[in-house]
């Protein structure tokens, strides 16, 4: 398959995923802050809505052979993010539906990188080592 076709197909799939998310869309305990400079920034397009998305993955204390919801501390993890949601700082969140045991949390508009990193680091499942996390800047390029 030509690379151009694959790239177009990936772009179309990404656009569809963004549409499903409704325009909403992570801090690693090892990641470093970064200044996002998307390719369209060079063309004079303003960066209007940047979110700092939390991506979760299996941590060093993840119990092999158990699902996410069978891991110790996951109820506390959910309760932690429910408080963030109720405070109006979380737009979307949930697990990935594959065997990796990961998931993501998409903050509400206007939540700072510092705040996102703070509530990600304070997650009881992260503190216990069941989950690890990464925070990445994300520019919402399309919204429905």
N, C-alpha and C. Protein backbone atom coordinates (compact mmCIF):
# COMPACT_ATOMS: atom_id res chain seq x y z
N UNK A 1 0.84 -1.17 0.00
CA UNK A 1 0.00 0.00 0.00
C UNK A 1 0.89 1.24 0.00
N UNK A 2 0.63 2.23 -0.86
CA UNK A 2 1.46 3.43 -0.89
C UNK A 2 1.37 4.18 0.43
N UNK A 3 2.49 4.78 0.83
CA UNK A 3 2.54 5.52 2.10
C UNK A 3 1.53 6.66 2.10
N UNK A 4 1.32 7.32 0.94
CA UNK A 4 0.39 8.44 0.88
C UNK A 4 -1.03 7.98 1.19
N UNK A 5 -1.42 6.80 0.66
CA UNK A 5 -2.74 6.26 0.95
C UNK A 5 -2.89 5.98 2.45
N UNK A 6 -1.88 5.36 3.04
CA UNK A 6 -1.91 5.05 4.47
C UNK A 6 -2.01 6.32 5.29
N UNK A 7 -1.27 7.35 4.93
CA UNK A 7 -1.31 8.63 5.64
C UNK A 7 -2.69 9.26 5.54
N UNK A 8 -3.29 9.22 4.33
CA UNK A 8 -4.64 9.79 4.15
C UNK A 8 -5.66 9.01 4.98
N UNK A 9 -5.52 7.69 4.98
CA UNK A 9 -6.45 6.86 5.75
C UNK A 9 -6.31 7.15 7.24
N UNK A 10 -5.06 7.26 7.73
CA UNK A 10 -4.84 7.59 9.14
C UNK A 10 -5.44 8.95 9.48
N UNK A 11 -5.24 9.94 8.60
CA UNK A 11 -5.78 11.28 8.84
C UNK A 11 -7.30 11.24 8.90
N UNK A 12 -7.93 10.49 8.02
CA UNK A 12 -9.39 10.37 8.03
C UNK A 12 -9.87 9.69 9.30
N UNK A 13 -9.16 8.64 9.74
CA UNK A 13 -9.54 7.95 10.98
C UNK A 13 -9.37 8.87 12.19
N UNK A 14 -8.30 9.66 12.20
CA UNK A 14 -8.08 10.60 13.30
C UNK A 14 -9.18 11.64 13.34
N UNK A 15 -9.56 12.17 12.19
CA UNK A 15 -10.63 13.17 12.13
C UNK A 15 -11.94 12.57 12.64
N UNK A 16 -12.22 11.32 12.28
CA UNK A 16 -13.44 10.66 12.76
C UNK A 16 -13.40 10.47 14.27
N UNK A 17 -12.24 10.09 14.80
CA UNK A 17 -12.11 9.91 16.25
C UNK A 17 -12.32 11.22 16.97
N UNK A 18 -11.78 12.30 16.44
CA UNK A 18 -11.96 13.61 17.06
C UNK A 18 -13.42 14.01 17.04
N UNK A 19 -14.11 13.70 15.96
CA UNK A 19 -15.53 14.03 15.88
C UNK A 19 -16.32 13.26 16.92
N UNK A 20 -15.99 11.98 17.12
CA UNK A 20 -16.66 11.16 18.13
C UNK A 20 -16.42 11.73 19.52
N UNK A 21 -15.21 12.20 19.78
CA UNK A 21 -14.88 12.76 21.09
C UNK A 21 -15.55 14.11 21.32
N UNK A 22 -16.13 14.67 20.31
CA UNK A 22 -16.79 15.95 20.47
C UNK A 22 -15.80 17.08 20.65
N UNK A 23 -14.60 16.93 20.12
CA UNK A 23 -13.62 18.00 20.20
C UNK A 23 -12.87 18.04 21.50
N UNK A 24 -12.96 17.00 22.30
CA UNK A 24 -12.21 16.97 23.55
C UNK A 24 -11.06 15.97 23.43
N UNK A 25 -10.12 16.08 23.85
CA UNK A 25 -9.09 15.04 23.92
C UNK A 25 -8.19 15.36 25.07
N UNK A 26 -1.97 14.06 28.42
CA UNK A 26 -1.50 13.11 29.32
C UNK A 26 -0.17 13.46 29.79
N UNK A 27 0.71 13.24 31.71
CA UNK A 27 2.01 13.68 32.23
C UNK A 27 2.66 12.40 32.64
N UNK A 28 3.75 12.19 32.11
CA UNK A 28 4.44 11.00 32.55
C UNK A 28 5.24 11.35 33.76
N UNK A 29 5.35 10.38 34.62
CA UNK A 29 6.22 10.61 35.74
C UNK A 29 7.63 10.79 35.22
N UNK A 30 7.83 10.52 33.94
CA UNK A 30 9.14 10.72 33.33
C UNK A 30 9.11 11.74 32.21
N UNK A 31 7.96 12.34 31.92
CA UNK A 31 7.89 13.27 30.81
C UNK A 31 8.38 14.65 31.21
N UNK A 32 8.66 15.45 30.21
CA UNK A 32 9.09 16.82 30.47
C UNK A 32 8.12 17.77 29.82
N UNK A 33 7.88 18.93 30.42
CA UNK A 33 6.98 19.90 29.81
C UNK A 33 7.50 20.29 28.43
N UNK A 34 6.58 20.59 27.55
CA UNK A 34 6.99 20.99 26.21
C UNK A 34 6.11 22.12 25.72
N UNK A 35 6.61 22.87 24.79
CA UNK A 35 5.84 23.93 24.16
C UNK A 35 5.37 23.42 22.81
N UNK A 36 4.05 23.19 22.67
CA UNK A 36 3.57 22.65 21.42
C UNK A 36 3.72 23.66 20.29
N UNK A 37 4.23 23.21 19.17
CA UNK A 37 4.32 24.04 17.99
C UNK A 37 3.86 23.22 16.80
N UNK A 38 2.54 23.09 16.63
CA UNK A 38 2.04 22.30 15.52
C UNK A 38 2.46 22.91 14.19
N UNK A 39 2.46 22.08 13.15
CA UNK A 39 2.91 22.55 11.84
C UNK A 39 2.10 23.73 11.34
N UNK A 40 0.81 23.82 11.71
CA UNK A 40 0.02 24.94 11.23
C UNK A 40 0.38 26.25 11.91
N UNK A 41 1.14 26.21 13.01
CA UNK A 41 1.56 27.44 13.68
C UNK A 41 2.46 28.26 12.76
N UNK A 42 3.22 27.58 11.91
CA UNK A 42 4.10 28.29 10.98
C UNK A 42 3.30 29.01 9.90
N UNK A 43 2.08 28.58 9.68
CA UNK A 43 1.24 29.18 8.65
C UNK A 43 0.36 30.29 9.21
N UNK A 44 0.56 30.65 10.47
CA UNK A 44 -0.19 31.75 11.06
C UNK A 44 -1.50 31.38 11.70
N UNK A 45 -1.80 30.09 11.84
CA UNK A 45 -3.04 29.68 12.48
C UNK A 45 -2.87 29.73 13.99
N UNK A 46 -3.78 30.38 14.71
CA UNK A 46 -3.64 30.45 16.17
C UNK A 46 -3.94 29.11 16.82
N UNK A 47 -3.26 28.85 17.91
CA UNK A 47 -3.54 27.64 18.70
C UNK A 47 -4.61 28.04 19.71
N UNK A 48 -5.85 27.62 19.45
CA UNK A 48 -6.97 28.09 20.25
C UNK A 48 -7.27 27.23 21.46
N UNK A 49 -7.20 25.93 21.34
CA UNK A 49 -7.60 25.07 22.45
C UNK A 49 -6.58 23.96 22.64
N UNK A 50 -5.66 24.18 23.56
CA UNK A 50 -4.65 23.18 23.89
C UNK A 50 -5.06 22.53 25.20
N UNK A 51 -5.10 21.21 25.21
CA UNK A 51 -5.39 20.45 26.43
C UNK A 51 -4.16 19.63 26.77
N UNK A 52 -3.99 19.35 28.04
CA UNK A 52 -2.89 18.51 28.51
C UNK A 52 -3.51 17.18 28.92
N UNK A 53 -3.38 16.20 28.06
CA UNK A 53 -4.08 14.93 28.19
C UNK A 53 -3.25 13.94 29.00
N UNK A 54 -3.91 13.25 29.93
CA UNK A 54 -3.25 12.24 30.76
C UNK A 54 -3.48 10.87 30.13
N UNK A 55 -2.39 10.20 29.79
CA UNK A 55 -2.44 8.83 29.29
C UNK A 55 -1.94 7.91 30.39
N UNK A 56 -2.76 6.94 30.78
CA UNK A 56 -2.36 5.97 31.79
C UNK A 56 -1.90 4.68 31.12
N UNK A 57 -0.98 4.00 31.78
CA UNK A 57 -0.50 2.69 31.32
C UNK A 57 -0.14 1.86 32.56
N UNK A 58 0.13 0.60 32.34
CA UNK A 58 0.49 -0.28 33.45
C UNK A 58 1.73 0.25 34.15
N UNK A 59 1.67 0.29 35.48
CA UNK A 59 2.81 0.72 36.28
C UNK A 59 3.63 -0.47 36.77
N UNK A 60 4.69 -0.20 37.53
CA UNK A 60 5.57 -1.28 37.99
C UNK A 60 4.90 -2.27 38.94
N UNK A 61 3.82 -1.87 39.59
CA UNK A 61 3.13 -2.77 40.52
C UNK A 61 1.84 -3.36 39.94
N UNK A 62 1.68 -3.26 38.62
CA UNK A 62 0.55 -3.87 37.93
C UNK A 62 0.61 -5.38 38.13
N UNK A 63 -0.52 -5.99 38.45
CA UNK A 63 -0.57 -7.44 38.64
C UNK A 63 -0.85 -8.13 37.31
N UNK A 64 0.14 -8.86 36.78
CA UNK A 64 -0.05 -9.55 35.50
C UNK A 64 -1.22 -10.52 35.56
N UNK A 65 -1.92 -10.63 34.44
CA UNK A 65 -3.03 -11.57 34.35
C UNK A 65 -4.34 -11.03 34.89
N UNK A 66 -4.33 -9.82 35.42
CA UNK A 66 -5.56 -9.21 35.94
C UNK A 66 -5.96 -8.04 35.05
N UNK A 67 -7.26 -7.85 34.89
CA UNK A 67 -7.75 -6.73 34.10
C UNK A 67 -7.59 -5.44 34.90
N UNK A 68 -7.79 -4.33 34.23
CA UNK A 68 -7.71 -3.02 34.89
C UNK A 68 -8.60 -2.98 36.12
N UNK A 69 -9.83 -3.43 35.98
CA UNK A 69 -10.78 -3.32 37.08
C UNK A 69 -10.55 -4.34 38.19
N UNK A 70 -9.64 -5.29 37.97
CA UNK A 70 -9.26 -6.24 39.01
C UNK A 70 -7.97 -5.83 39.72
N UNK A 71 -7.39 -4.71 39.32
CA UNK A 71 -6.15 -4.23 39.94
C UNK A 71 -6.48 -3.55 41.28
N UNK A 72 -5.60 -3.69 42.27
CA UNK A 72 -5.83 -3.00 43.54
C UNK A 72 -5.72 -1.48 43.34
N UNK A 73 -6.63 -0.75 43.95
CA UNK A 73 -6.56 0.71 43.90
C UNK A 73 -7.29 1.35 42.74
N UNK A 74 -7.91 0.56 41.87
CA UNK A 74 -8.59 1.16 40.72
C UNK A 74 -9.86 1.89 41.16
N UNK A 75 -10.54 1.39 42.18
CA UNK A 75 -11.72 2.11 42.68
C UNK A 75 -11.33 3.49 43.18
N UNK A 76 -10.19 3.58 43.85
CA UNK A 76 -9.70 4.87 44.34
C UNK A 76 -9.29 5.77 43.18
N UNK A 77 -8.73 5.18 42.13
CA UNK A 77 -8.37 5.91 40.91
C UNK A 77 -9.62 6.55 40.30
N UNK A 78 -10.68 5.76 40.17
CA UNK A 78 -11.94 6.25 39.60
C UNK A 78 -12.52 7.35 40.50
N UNK A 79 -12.50 7.14 41.80
CA UNK A 79 -13.02 8.15 42.74
C UNK A 79 -12.22 9.45 42.64
N UNK A 80 -10.90 9.33 42.48
CA UNK A 80 -10.03 10.51 42.35
C UNK A 80 -10.44 11.34 41.13
N UNK A 81 -10.60 10.69 40.00
CA UNK A 81 -10.96 11.43 38.78
C UNK A 81 -12.42 11.86 38.79
N UNK A 82 -13.28 11.16 39.54
CA UNK A 82 -14.66 11.61 39.66
C UNK A 82 -14.71 12.97 40.36
N UNK A 83 -13.84 13.16 41.37
CA UNK A 83 -13.75 14.46 42.04
C UNK A 83 -13.30 15.55 41.07
N UNK A 84 -12.34 15.21 40.21
CA UNK A 84 -11.85 16.17 39.20
C UNK A 84 -12.99 16.51 38.24
N UNK A 85 -13.77 15.50 37.85
CA UNK A 85 -14.93 15.71 36.98
C UNK A 85 -15.95 16.62 37.66
N UNK A 86 -16.29 16.31 38.90
CA UNK A 86 -17.28 17.09 39.63
C UNK A 86 -16.83 18.53 39.87
N UNK A 87 -15.52 18.77 39.89
CA UNK A 87 -14.98 20.12 40.05
C UNK A 87 -14.97 20.88 38.72
N UNK A 88 -15.43 20.22 37.65
CA UNK A 88 -15.48 20.87 36.35
C UNK A 88 -14.16 20.92 35.61
N UNK A 89 -13.18 20.11 36.05
CA UNK A 89 -11.86 20.14 35.43
C UNK A 89 -11.61 18.98 34.47
N UNK A 90 -12.58 18.10 34.29
CA UNK A 90 -12.40 16.94 33.42
C UNK A 90 -13.53 16.92 32.40
N UNK A 91 -13.17 16.79 31.12
CA UNK A 91 -14.17 16.70 30.05
C UNK A 91 -14.55 15.26 29.77
N UNK A 92 -13.55 14.39 29.64
CA UNK A 92 -13.76 12.99 29.30
C UNK A 92 -12.69 12.13 29.96
N UNK A 93 -13.00 10.87 30.16
CA UNK A 93 -11.99 9.96 30.69
C UNK A 93 -12.49 8.53 30.63
N UNK A 94 -11.55 7.60 30.55
CA UNK A 94 -11.93 6.20 30.55
C UNK A 94 -10.81 5.31 30.05
N UNK A 95 -11.02 3.99 30.18
CA UNK A 95 -9.99 3.03 29.78
C UNK A 95 -9.99 2.79 28.27
N UNK A 96 -8.82 2.39 27.77
CA UNK A 96 -8.73 1.90 26.39
C UNK A 96 -9.31 0.49 26.38
N UNK A 97 -9.86 0.09 25.27
CA UNK A 97 -10.54 -1.21 25.20
C UNK A 97 -9.66 -2.31 24.61
N UNK A 98 -8.36 -2.22 24.87
CA UNK A 98 -7.46 -3.29 24.46
C UNK A 98 -6.80 -3.87 25.71
N UNK A 99 -5.87 -4.78 25.54
CA UNK A 99 -5.28 -5.49 26.68
C UNK A 99 -4.15 -4.73 27.37
N UNK A 100 -3.90 -3.49 27.00
CA UNK A 100 -2.77 -2.76 27.58
C UNK A 100 -3.03 -2.29 29.01
N UNK A 101 -4.28 -2.18 29.39
CA UNK A 101 -4.60 -1.72 30.73
C UNK A 101 -4.51 -0.23 30.90
N UNK A 102 -4.39 0.49 29.83
CA UNK A 102 -4.26 1.94 29.90
C UNK A 102 -5.58 2.66 29.70
N UNK A 103 -5.48 3.97 29.73
CA UNK A 103 -6.65 4.80 29.51
C UNK A 103 -6.21 6.24 29.35
N UNK A 104 -7.17 7.14 29.28
CA UNK A 104 -6.82 8.54 29.16
C UNK A 104 -7.84 9.43 29.83
N UNK A 105 -7.38 10.61 30.22
CA UNK A 105 -8.21 11.62 30.83
C UNK A 105 -8.01 12.91 30.04
N UNK A 106 -9.10 13.51 29.60
CA UNK A 106 -9.03 14.74 28.82
C UNK A 106 -9.60 15.87 29.67
N UNK A 107 -8.75 16.80 30.10
CA UNK A 107 -9.21 17.89 30.95
C UNK A 107 -10.17 18.82 30.22
N UNK A 108 -10.94 19.56 30.99
CA UNK A 108 -11.82 20.59 30.45
C UNK A 108 -10.97 21.74 29.91
N UNK A 109 -11.56 22.55 29.07
CA UNK A 109 -10.86 23.71 28.51
C UNK A 109 -10.39 24.62 29.63
N UNK A 110 -9.18 25.13 29.47
CA UNK A 110 -8.64 26.11 30.42
C UNK A 110 -7.91 25.53 31.61
N UNK A 111 -7.88 24.21 31.77
CA UNK A 111 -7.16 23.62 32.89
C UNK A 111 -5.66 23.65 32.55
N UNK A 112 -4.87 24.19 33.45
CA UNK A 112 -3.45 24.38 33.19
C UNK A 112 -2.67 23.07 33.21
N UNK A 113 -1.52 23.09 32.54
CA UNK A 113 -0.63 21.93 32.56
C UNK A 113 -0.22 21.60 33.99
N UNK A 114 0.05 22.62 34.78
CA UNK A 114 0.44 22.41 36.19
C UNK A 114 -0.66 21.68 36.96
N UNK A 115 -1.91 22.10 36.77
CA UNK A 115 -3.02 21.44 37.45
C UNK A 115 -3.18 20.00 36.99
N UNK A 116 -3.06 19.77 35.68
CA UNK A 116 -3.19 18.41 35.15
C UNK A 116 -2.10 17.52 35.74
N UNK A 117 -0.87 18.01 35.73
CA UNK A 117 0.24 17.23 36.29
C UNK A 117 0.01 16.96 37.78
N UNK A 118 -0.54 17.93 38.49
CA UNK A 118 -0.81 17.76 39.91
C UNK A 118 -1.83 16.68 40.19
N UNK A 119 -2.98 16.73 39.48
CA UNK A 119 -3.97 15.69 39.79
C UNK A 119 -3.58 14.34 39.22
N UNK A 120 -2.77 14.29 38.17
CA UNK A 120 -2.28 12.99 37.67
C UNK A 120 -1.31 12.36 38.67
N UNK A 121 -0.41 13.16 39.23
CA UNK A 121 0.57 12.64 40.19
C UNK A 121 -0.08 12.21 41.51
N UNK A 122 -1.20 12.84 41.87
CA UNK A 122 -1.88 12.53 43.13
C UNK A 122 -2.83 11.34 43.02
N UNK A 123 -3.01 10.79 41.84
CA UNK A 123 -3.88 9.64 41.61
C UNK A 123 -3.40 8.48 42.49
N UNK A 124 -4.28 7.93 43.35
CA UNK A 124 -3.86 6.83 44.23
C UNK A 124 -3.28 5.62 43.48
N UNK A 125 -3.76 5.33 42.28
CA UNK A 125 -3.23 4.19 41.52
C UNK A 125 -1.83 4.50 40.99
N UNK A 126 -1.52 5.77 40.78
CA UNK A 126 -0.17 6.18 40.37
C UNK A 126 0.75 6.14 41.58
N UNK A 127 0.29 6.68 42.70
CA UNK A 127 1.09 6.69 43.93
C UNK A 127 1.47 5.27 44.34
N UNK A 128 0.53 4.32 44.18
CA UNK A 128 0.80 2.92 44.56
C UNK A 128 1.62 2.17 43.51
N UNK A 129 1.79 2.75 42.32
CA UNK A 129 2.57 2.10 41.28
C UNK A 129 1.79 1.15 40.39
N UNK A 130 0.48 1.05 40.58
CA UNK A 130 -0.33 0.19 39.72
C UNK A 130 -0.42 0.80 38.32
N UNK A 131 -0.52 2.13 38.26
CA UNK A 131 -0.55 2.83 36.98
C UNK A 131 0.62 3.79 36.90
N UNK A 132 1.05 4.05 35.71
CA UNK A 132 2.01 5.11 35.41
C UNK A 132 1.26 6.05 34.48
N UNK A 133 1.80 7.22 34.23
CA UNK A 133 1.09 8.17 33.38
C UNK A 133 2.05 9.01 32.57
N UNK A 134 1.49 9.64 31.57
CA UNK A 134 2.22 10.59 30.74
C UNK A 134 1.25 11.72 30.43
N UNK A 135 1.71 12.95 30.49
CA UNK A 135 0.90 14.10 30.10
C UNK A 135 1.47 14.64 28.80
N UNK A 136 0.59 14.81 27.83
CA UNK A 136 1.02 15.32 26.53
C UNK A 136 0.12 16.48 26.11
N UNK A 137 0.71 17.53 25.54
CA UNK A 137 -0.10 18.63 25.03
C UNK A 137 -0.82 18.20 23.75
N UNK A 138 -2.08 18.60 23.63
CA UNK A 138 -2.88 18.23 22.48
C UNK A 138 -3.63 19.45 21.99
N UNK A 139 -3.49 19.76 20.72
CA UNK A 139 -4.20 20.87 20.10
C UNK A 139 -5.47 20.32 19.48
N UNK A 140 -6.60 20.85 19.88
CA UNK A 140 -7.86 20.45 19.26
C UNK A 140 -7.95 21.18 17.93
N UNK A 141 -7.76 20.43 16.87
CA UNK A 141 -7.77 21.01 15.53
C UNK A 141 -9.14 21.00 14.89
N UNK A 142 -10.01 20.09 15.36
CA UNK A 142 -11.37 20.00 14.82
C UNK A 142 -12.32 19.73 15.97
N UNK A 143 -13.48 20.31 15.88
CA UNK A 143 -14.48 20.11 16.91
C UNK A 143 -15.85 20.18 16.26
N UNK A 144 -16.78 19.39 16.78
CA UNK A 144 -18.12 19.37 16.20
C UNK A 144 -19.11 20.06 17.08
